[in-house]
Amino acid sequence: MSDLTWGALLLIAAVGGLGAVLRYVSDGLATYLVQTRWPESEFPWGLWFVNISGSMLMGLTAGVVLSEKSAPVWAAVVMTGLLGGYTTFSSASYDTVRLIREGRIFAGFSNAFGVLGIAVVAAGIGLWLGVSA
């Protein structure tokens, strides 16, 4: 982070907002397209699309950065800003792949199942607390 200027941080924030808008539009469009074909489907296809595409783009960006042997500011803007706003699941997915790639298989799978499992439990607790309030 020491290489990032205030201007870069502001750009990350602005692009993060763009990522959030893209998430909203992509989720809505994917849901609409699925429901026009299968109106009875209640599966969250829009969110599925956002998380899968965001994870793929995170991996692609990380691969480009690794091949350059550097982490340029544009990578922070894309990975943390755009994709962070688009989906935080992409960061967790990349961390899991990175751990496995580094040979830390147990840590990678623990991260994958831990993030998903604990996040689902946390969402359930949050929902329960919200409904109970």
N, C-alpha and C. Protein backbone atom coordinates (compact mmCIF):
# COMPACT_ATOMS: atom_id res chain seq x y z
N MET A 1 0.81 -1.18 0.00
CA MET A 1 0.00 0.00 0.00
C MET A 1 0.86 1.25 0.00
N SER A 2 2.11 1.15 0.33
CA SER A 2 2.96 2.34 0.40
C SER A 2 3.13 3.01 -0.96
N ASP A 3 2.92 2.28 -2.05
CA ASP A 3 3.04 2.85 -3.39
C ASP A 3 1.81 3.65 -3.81
N LEU A 4 0.75 3.55 -3.06
CA LEU A 4 -0.49 4.20 -3.45
C LEU A 4 -0.55 5.63 -2.93
N THR A 5 -0.89 6.52 -3.81
CA THR A 5 -1.05 7.93 -3.45
C THR A 5 -2.51 8.18 -3.06
N TRP A 6 -2.78 9.35 -2.54
CA TRP A 6 -4.16 9.71 -2.23
C TRP A 6 -5.01 9.70 -3.49
N GLY A 7 -4.45 10.11 -4.60
CA GLY A 7 -5.18 10.08 -5.86
C GLY A 7 -5.56 8.66 -6.25
N ALA A 8 -4.62 7.72 -6.05
CA ALA A 8 -4.91 6.32 -6.36
C ALA A 8 -5.99 5.77 -5.43
N LEU A 9 -5.92 6.14 -4.17
CA LEU A 9 -6.94 5.68 -3.22
C LEU A 9 -8.32 6.22 -3.58
N LEU A 10 -8.37 7.47 -3.99
CA LEU A 10 -9.65 8.04 -4.43
C LEU A 10 -10.16 7.36 -5.69
N LEU A 11 -9.25 7.01 -6.60
CA LEU A 11 -9.63 6.29 -7.81
C LEU A 11 -10.18 4.90 -7.45
N ILE A 12 -9.53 4.21 -6.51
CA ILE A 12 -10.02 2.91 -6.06
C ILE A 12 -11.44 3.04 -5.51
N ALA A 13 -11.66 4.08 -4.71
CA ALA A 13 -13.00 4.30 -4.14
C ALA A 13 -14.03 4.57 -5.24
N ALA A 14 -13.69 5.42 -6.19
CA ALA A 14 -14.62 5.74 -7.28
C ALA A 14 -14.92 4.52 -8.13
N VAL A 15 -13.89 3.77 -8.45
CA VAL A 15 -14.07 2.57 -9.28
C VAL A 15 -14.83 1.51 -8.50
N GLY A 16 -14.65 1.49 -7.17
CA GLY A 16 -15.44 0.59 -6.33
C GLY A 16 -16.93 0.89 -6.44
N GLY A 17 -17.26 2.17 -6.51
CA GLY A 17 -18.66 2.55 -6.72
C GLY A 17 -19.17 2.07 -8.06
N LEU A 18 -18.33 2.17 -9.08
CA LEU A 18 -18.69 1.67 -10.41
C LEU A 18 -18.91 0.16 -10.35
N GLY A 19 -18.04 -0.55 -9.62
CA GLY A 19 -18.20 -1.99 -9.46
C GLY A 19 -19.53 -2.35 -8.81
N ALA A 20 -19.93 -1.56 -7.82
CA ALA A 20 -21.21 -1.80 -7.15
C ALA A 20 -22.38 -1.60 -8.11
N VAL A 21 -22.29 -0.58 -8.95
CA VAL A 21 -23.34 -0.35 -9.95
C VAL A 21 -23.36 -1.50 -10.95
N LEU A 22 -22.18 -1.95 -11.39
CA LEU A 22 -22.11 -3.09 -12.32
C LEU A 22 -22.71 -4.35 -11.70
N ARG A 23 -22.47 -4.52 -10.40
CA ARG A 23 -23.05 -5.68 -9.71
C ARG A 23 -24.57 -5.60 -9.75
N TYR A 24 -25.10 -4.45 -9.43
CA TYR A 24 -26.55 -4.27 -9.41
C TYR A 24 -27.15 -4.54 -10.79
N VAL A 25 -26.54 -3.98 -11.81
CA VAL A 25 -27.04 -4.15 -13.18
C VAL A 25 -26.88 -5.60 -13.64
N SER A 26 -25.72 -6.20 -13.41
CA SER A 26 -25.46 -7.58 -13.83
C SER A 26 -26.39 -8.56 -13.13
N ASP A 27 -26.55 -8.39 -11.83
CA ASP A 27 -27.44 -9.24 -11.05
C ASP A 27 -28.87 -9.14 -11.58
N GLY A 28 -29.33 -7.93 -11.78
CA GLY A 28 -30.69 -7.72 -12.28
C GLY A 28 -30.89 -8.27 -13.68
N LEU A 29 -29.93 -8.05 -14.56
CA LEU A 29 -30.04 -8.53 -15.94
C LEU A 29 -30.02 -10.06 -15.99
N ALA A 30 -29.09 -10.67 -15.27
CA ALA A 30 -29.01 -12.14 -15.26
C ALA A 30 -30.29 -12.74 -14.69
N THR A 31 -30.79 -12.17 -13.61
CA THR A 31 -32.04 -12.65 -13.01
C THR A 31 -33.19 -12.51 -14.00
N TYR A 32 -33.27 -11.37 -14.66
CA TYR A 32 -34.33 -11.14 -15.65
C TYR A 32 -34.25 -12.17 -16.79
N LEU A 33 -33.05 -12.39 -17.32
CA LEU A 33 -32.89 -13.32 -18.44
C LEU A 33 -33.28 -14.74 -18.04
N VAL A 34 -32.90 -15.16 -16.85
CA VAL A 34 -33.25 -16.50 -16.39
C VAL A 34 -34.76 -16.60 -16.17
N GLN A 35 -35.34 -15.59 -15.54
CA GLN A 35 -36.76 -15.66 -15.22
C GLN A 35 -37.66 -15.54 -16.45
N THR A 36 -37.16 -14.95 -17.54
CA THR A 36 -37.96 -14.94 -18.76
C THR A 36 -38.01 -16.33 -19.39
N ARG A 37 -36.95 -17.10 -19.18
CA ARG A 37 -36.89 -18.46 -19.72
C ARG A 37 -37.52 -19.48 -18.76
N TRP A 38 -37.23 -19.33 -17.47
CA TRP A 38 -37.72 -20.23 -16.43
C TRP A 38 -38.36 -19.40 -15.32
N PRO A 39 -39.60 -18.95 -15.51
CA PRO A 39 -40.23 -18.05 -14.55
C PRO A 39 -40.40 -18.64 -13.15
N GLU A 40 -40.41 -19.95 -13.04
CA GLU A 40 -40.60 -20.58 -11.73
C GLU A 40 -39.30 -20.69 -10.94
N SER A 41 -38.18 -20.38 -11.56
CA SER A 41 -36.88 -20.51 -10.89
C SER A 41 -36.73 -19.48 -9.78
N GLU A 42 -36.39 -19.96 -8.59
CA GLU A 42 -36.15 -19.07 -7.46
C GLU A 42 -34.68 -19.06 -7.06
N PHE A 43 -33.85 -19.78 -7.81
CA PHE A 43 -32.41 -19.82 -7.52
C PHE A 43 -31.81 -18.45 -7.79
N PRO A 44 -30.88 -17.98 -6.96
CA PRO A 44 -30.29 -16.65 -7.15
C PRO A 44 -29.25 -16.62 -8.28
N TRP A 45 -29.71 -16.81 -9.52
CA TRP A 45 -28.80 -16.88 -10.66
C TRP A 45 -28.02 -15.59 -10.87
N GLY A 46 -28.62 -14.46 -10.59
CA GLY A 46 -27.93 -13.18 -10.76
C GLY A 46 -26.72 -13.08 -9.86
N LEU A 47 -26.90 -13.42 -8.60
CA LEU A 47 -25.79 -13.39 -7.65
C LEU A 47 -24.75 -14.44 -8.01
N TRP A 48 -25.21 -15.60 -8.47
CA TRP A 48 -24.30 -16.65 -8.91
C TRP A 48 -23.43 -16.14 -10.05
N PHE A 49 -24.05 -15.49 -11.02
CA PHE A 49 -23.31 -14.94 -12.15
C PHE A 49 -22.29 -13.91 -11.68
N VAL A 50 -22.70 -13.00 -10.81
CA VAL A 50 -21.80 -11.96 -10.31
C VAL A 50 -20.60 -12.58 -9.60
N ASN A 51 -20.84 -13.54 -8.72
CA ASN A 51 -19.73 -14.14 -7.97
C ASN A 51 -18.79 -14.95 -8.86
N ILE A 52 -19.34 -15.70 -9.79
CA ILE A 52 -18.49 -16.50 -10.68
C ILE A 52 -17.70 -15.60 -11.63
N SER A 53 -18.37 -14.63 -12.25
CA SER A 53 -17.65 -13.75 -13.18
C SER A 53 -16.64 -12.89 -12.45
N GLY A 54 -16.98 -12.42 -11.26
CA GLY A 54 -16.03 -11.62 -10.47
C GLY A 54 -14.81 -12.43 -10.07
N SER A 55 -15.03 -13.69 -9.71
CA SER A 55 -13.90 -14.56 -9.35
C SER A 55 -13.01 -14.82 -10.55
N MET A 56 -13.62 -15.04 -11.72
CA MET A 56 -12.83 -15.25 -12.93
C MET A 56 -12.00 -14.01 -13.26
N LEU A 57 -12.62 -12.84 -13.18
CA LEU A 57 -11.90 -11.60 -13.47
C LEU A 57 -10.81 -11.32 -12.45
N MET A 58 -11.05 -11.68 -11.19
CA MET A 58 -10.02 -11.52 -10.16
C MET A 58 -8.82 -12.42 -10.48
N GLY A 59 -9.09 -13.66 -10.85
CA GLY A 59 -8.01 -14.58 -11.22
C GLY A 59 -7.26 -14.11 -12.44
N LEU A 60 -7.98 -13.62 -13.44
CA LEU A 60 -7.35 -13.11 -14.66
C LEU A 60 -6.44 -11.93 -14.35
N THR A 61 -6.94 -11.00 -13.56
CA THR A 61 -6.14 -9.82 -13.20
C THR A 61 -4.91 -10.24 -12.39
N ALA A 62 -5.10 -11.14 -11.44
CA ALA A 62 -3.97 -11.61 -10.63
C ALA A 62 -2.94 -12.32 -11.50
N GLY A 63 -3.41 -13.09 -12.48
CA GLY A 63 -2.48 -13.76 -13.39
C GLY A 63 -1.65 -12.79 -14.19
N VAL A 64 -2.26 -11.72 -14.66
CA VAL A 64 -1.52 -10.70 -15.40
C VAL A 64 -0.49 -10.05 -14.49
N VAL A 65 -0.89 -9.73 -13.27
CA VAL A 65 0.04 -9.10 -12.31
C VAL A 65 1.19 -10.04 -12.00
N LEU A 66 0.90 -11.33 -11.78
CA LEU A 66 1.97 -12.29 -11.47
C LEU A 66 2.92 -12.45 -12.64
N SER A 67 2.40 -12.40 -13.87
CA SER A 67 3.27 -12.55 -15.03
C SER A 67 4.16 -11.33 -15.21
N GLU A 68 3.73 -10.18 -14.70
CA GLU A 68 4.54 -8.97 -14.78
C GLU A 68 5.51 -8.86 -13.61
N LYS A 69 5.34 -9.72 -12.61
CA LYS A 69 6.19 -9.73 -11.41
C LYS A 69 6.11 -8.41 -10.65
N SER A 70 4.99 -7.74 -10.76
CA SER A 70 4.81 -6.50 -10.02
C SER A 70 3.32 -6.30 -9.74
N ALA A 71 3.04 -5.41 -8.85
CA ALA A 71 1.65 -5.10 -8.54
C ALA A 71 1.41 -3.62 -8.81
N PRO A 72 1.17 -3.28 -10.07
CA PRO A 72 0.97 -1.88 -10.41
C PRO A 72 -0.30 -1.32 -9.79
N VAL A 73 -0.37 -0.01 -9.76
CA VAL A 73 -1.53 0.66 -9.18
C VAL A 73 -2.81 0.24 -9.90
N TRP A 74 -2.74 0.03 -11.22
CA TRP A 74 -3.96 -0.35 -11.94
C TRP A 74 -4.53 -1.65 -11.39
N ALA A 75 -3.65 -2.56 -10.91
CA ALA A 75 -4.13 -3.82 -10.36
C ALA A 75 -4.94 -3.58 -9.09
N ALA A 76 -4.48 -2.66 -8.25
CA ALA A 76 -5.23 -2.32 -7.04
C ALA A 76 -6.57 -1.68 -7.41
N VAL A 77 -6.55 -0.86 -8.44
CA VAL A 77 -7.79 -0.21 -8.88
C VAL A 77 -8.78 -1.27 -9.37
N VAL A 78 -8.31 -2.22 -10.17
CA VAL A 78 -9.20 -3.26 -10.71
C VAL A 78 -9.59 -4.26 -9.63
N MET A 79 -8.60 -4.80 -8.90
CA MET A 79 -8.89 -5.88 -7.96
C MET A 79 -9.62 -5.40 -6.71
N THR A 80 -9.11 -4.35 -6.10
CA THR A 80 -9.73 -3.86 -4.86
C THR A 80 -10.91 -2.96 -5.16
N GLY A 81 -10.76 -2.08 -6.13
CA GLY A 81 -11.84 -1.14 -6.45
C GLY A 81 -12.97 -1.78 -7.23
N LEU A 82 -12.73 -2.04 -8.51
CA LEU A 82 -13.79 -2.53 -9.39
C LEU A 82 -14.37 -3.87 -8.91
N LEU A 83 -13.49 -4.86 -8.74
CA LEU A 83 -13.98 -6.19 -8.36
C LEU A 83 -14.39 -6.26 -6.90
N GLY A 84 -13.77 -5.43 -6.06
CA GLY A 84 -14.20 -5.35 -4.67
C GLY A 84 -15.61 -4.79 -4.55
N GLY A 85 -15.93 -3.83 -5.40
CA GLY A 85 -17.29 -3.30 -5.43
C GLY A 85 -18.25 -4.24 -6.12
N TYR A 86 -17.75 -4.96 -7.11
CA TYR A 86 -18.57 -5.90 -7.87
C TYR A 86 -18.92 -7.11 -7.02
N THR A 87 -17.92 -7.69 -6.36
CA THR A 87 -18.14 -8.83 -5.48
C THR A 87 -16.95 -9.06 -4.58
N THR A 88 -17.18 -9.16 -3.29
CA THR A 88 -16.07 -9.49 -2.39
C THR A 88 -15.79 -10.99 -2.42
N PHE A 89 -16.70 -11.75 -2.96
CA PHE A 89 -16.48 -13.19 -3.07
C PHE A 89 -15.28 -13.49 -3.96
N SER A 90 -15.02 -12.63 -4.92
CA SER A 90 -13.88 -12.84 -5.82
C SER A 90 -12.57 -12.79 -5.05
N SER A 91 -12.46 -11.94 -4.06
CA SER A 91 -11.24 -11.87 -3.25
C SER A 91 -11.05 -13.15 -2.46
N ALA A 92 -12.11 -13.65 -1.86
CA ALA A 92 -12.02 -14.89 -1.10
C ALA A 92 -11.68 -16.06 -2.02
N SER A 93 -12.24 -16.07 -3.21
CA SER A 93 -11.94 -17.13 -4.18
C SER A 93 -10.47 -17.09 -4.58
N TYR A 94 -9.97 -15.89 -4.87
CA TYR A 94 -8.57 -15.76 -5.25
C TYR A 94 -7.65 -16.18 -4.11
N ASP A 95 -7.95 -15.77 -2.88
CA ASP A 95 -7.12 -16.17 -1.74
C ASP A 95 -7.07 -17.69 -1.61
N THR A 96 -8.18 -18.35 -1.85
CA THR A 96 -8.22 -19.81 -1.79
C THR A 96 -7.32 -20.42 -2.86
N VAL A 97 -7.43 -19.94 -4.08
CA VAL A 97 -6.60 -20.44 -5.18
C VAL A 97 -5.12 -20.16 -4.90
N ARG A 98 -4.83 -18.98 -4.40
CA ARG A 98 -3.44 -18.61 -4.09
C ARG A 98 -2.85 -19.56 -3.04
N LEU A 99 -3.60 -19.84 -1.99
CA LEU A 99 -3.12 -20.74 -0.94
C LEU A 99 -2.85 -22.14 -1.51
N ILE A 100 -3.75 -22.65 -2.32
CA ILE A 100 -3.58 -23.97 -2.93
C ILE A 100 -2.38 -23.96 -3.87
N ARG A 101 -2.25 -22.90 -4.65
CA ARG A 101 -1.13 -22.77 -5.60
C ARG A 101 0.21 -22.75 -4.87
N GLU A 102 0.22 -22.16 -3.67
CA GLU A 102 1.44 -22.10 -2.86
C GLU A 102 1.72 -23.43 -2.16
N GLY A 103 0.87 -24.43 -2.38
CA GLY A 103 1.07 -25.73 -1.75
C GLY A 103 0.44 -25.84 -0.38
N ARG A 104 -0.29 -24.85 0.02
CA ARG A 104 -0.95 -24.84 1.33
C ARG A 104 -2.39 -25.33 1.14
N ILE A 105 -2.46 -26.61 0.79
CA ILE A 105 -3.74 -27.22 0.41
C ILE A 105 -4.77 -27.14 1.53
N PHE A 106 -4.37 -27.54 2.73
CA PHE A 106 -5.32 -27.53 3.85
C PHE A 106 -5.81 -26.11 4.12
N ALA A 107 -4.89 -25.15 4.11
CA ALA A 107 -5.28 -23.75 4.35
C ALA A 107 -6.23 -23.27 3.26
N GLY A 108 -5.97 -23.66 2.01
CA GLY A 108 -6.83 -23.25 0.91
C GLY A 108 -8.24 -23.79 1.05
N PHE A 109 -8.36 -25.09 1.31
CA PHE A 109 -9.69 -25.67 1.45
C PHE A 109 -10.37 -25.20 2.73
N SER A 110 -9.58 -24.98 3.78
CA SER A 110 -10.15 -24.42 5.02
C SER A 110 -10.71 -23.04 4.76
N ASN A 111 -9.98 -22.25 3.98
CA ASN A 111 -10.45 -20.91 3.63
C ASN A 111 -11.74 -21.00 2.81
N ALA A 112 -11.74 -21.87 1.81
CA ALA A 112 -12.91 -21.98 0.94
C ALA A 112 -14.16 -22.37 1.72
N PHE A 113 -14.06 -23.44 2.48
CA PHE A 113 -15.23 -23.91 3.21
C PHE A 113 -15.52 -23.04 4.43
N GLY A 114 -14.46 -22.49 5.03
CA GLY A 114 -14.65 -21.61 6.18
C GLY A 114 -15.35 -20.33 5.81
N VAL A 115 -14.88 -19.68 4.74
CA VAL A 115 -15.50 -18.43 4.31
C VAL A 115 -16.97 -18.66 3.96
N LEU A 116 -17.23 -19.67 3.15
CA LEU A 116 -18.61 -19.93 2.74
C LEU A 116 -19.46 -20.35 3.93
N GLY A 117 -18.97 -21.32 4.68
CA GLY A 117 -19.75 -21.84 5.81
C GLY A 117 -20.00 -20.79 6.88
N ILE A 118 -18.95 -20.10 7.28
CA ILE A 118 -19.08 -19.10 8.33
C ILE A 118 -19.91 -17.91 7.83
N ALA A 119 -19.73 -17.54 6.57
CA ALA A 119 -20.52 -16.44 6.02
C ALA A 119 -22.00 -16.78 6.01
N VAL A 120 -22.33 -18.02 5.67
CA VAL A 120 -23.73 -18.43 5.66
C VAL A 120 -24.29 -18.41 7.09
N VAL A 121 -23.52 -18.91 8.05
CA VAL A 121 -23.95 -18.88 9.45
C VAL A 121 -24.11 -17.43 9.91
N ALA A 122 -23.14 -16.57 9.57
CA ALA A 122 -23.21 -15.16 9.96
C ALA A 122 -24.43 -14.48 9.34
N ALA A 123 -24.72 -14.80 8.08
CA ALA A 123 -25.90 -14.22 7.43
C ALA A 123 -27.17 -14.68 8.14
N GLY A 124 -27.19 -15.94 8.53
CA GLY A 124 -28.35 -16.46 9.26
C GLY A 124 -28.52 -15.77 10.61
N ILE A 125 -27.42 -15.58 11.32
CA ILE A 125 -27.47 -14.88 12.61
C ILE A 125 -27.92 -13.43 12.40
N GLY A 126 -27.34 -12.77 11.39
CA GLY A 126 -27.74 -11.40 11.10
C GLY A 126 -29.21 -11.29 10.75
N LEU A 127 -29.70 -12.23 9.95
CA LEU A 127 -31.12 -12.25 9.59
C LEU A 127 -31.97 -12.43 10.84
N TRP A 128 -31.58 -13.37 11.67
CA TRP A 128 -32.31 -13.62 12.91
C TRP A 128 -32.33 -12.39 13.80
N LEU A 129 -31.16 -11.75 13.96
CA LEU A 129 -31.09 -10.53 14.77
C LEU A 129 -31.94 -9.41 14.17
N GLY A 130 -31.88 -9.28 12.84
CA GLY A 130 -32.65 -8.24 12.18
C GLY A 130 -34.15 -8.44 12.32
N VAL A 131 -34.59 -9.68 12.18
CA VAL A 131 -36.01 -10.00 12.30
C VAL A 131 -36.47 -9.84 13.74
N SER A 132 -35.58 -10.18 14.69
CA SER A 132 -35.91 -10.10 16.11
C SER A 132 -35.95 -8.69 16.65
N ALA A 133 -35.30 -7.76 15.96
CA ALA A 133 -35.20 -6.38 16.48
C ALA A 133 -36.50 -5.64 16.43
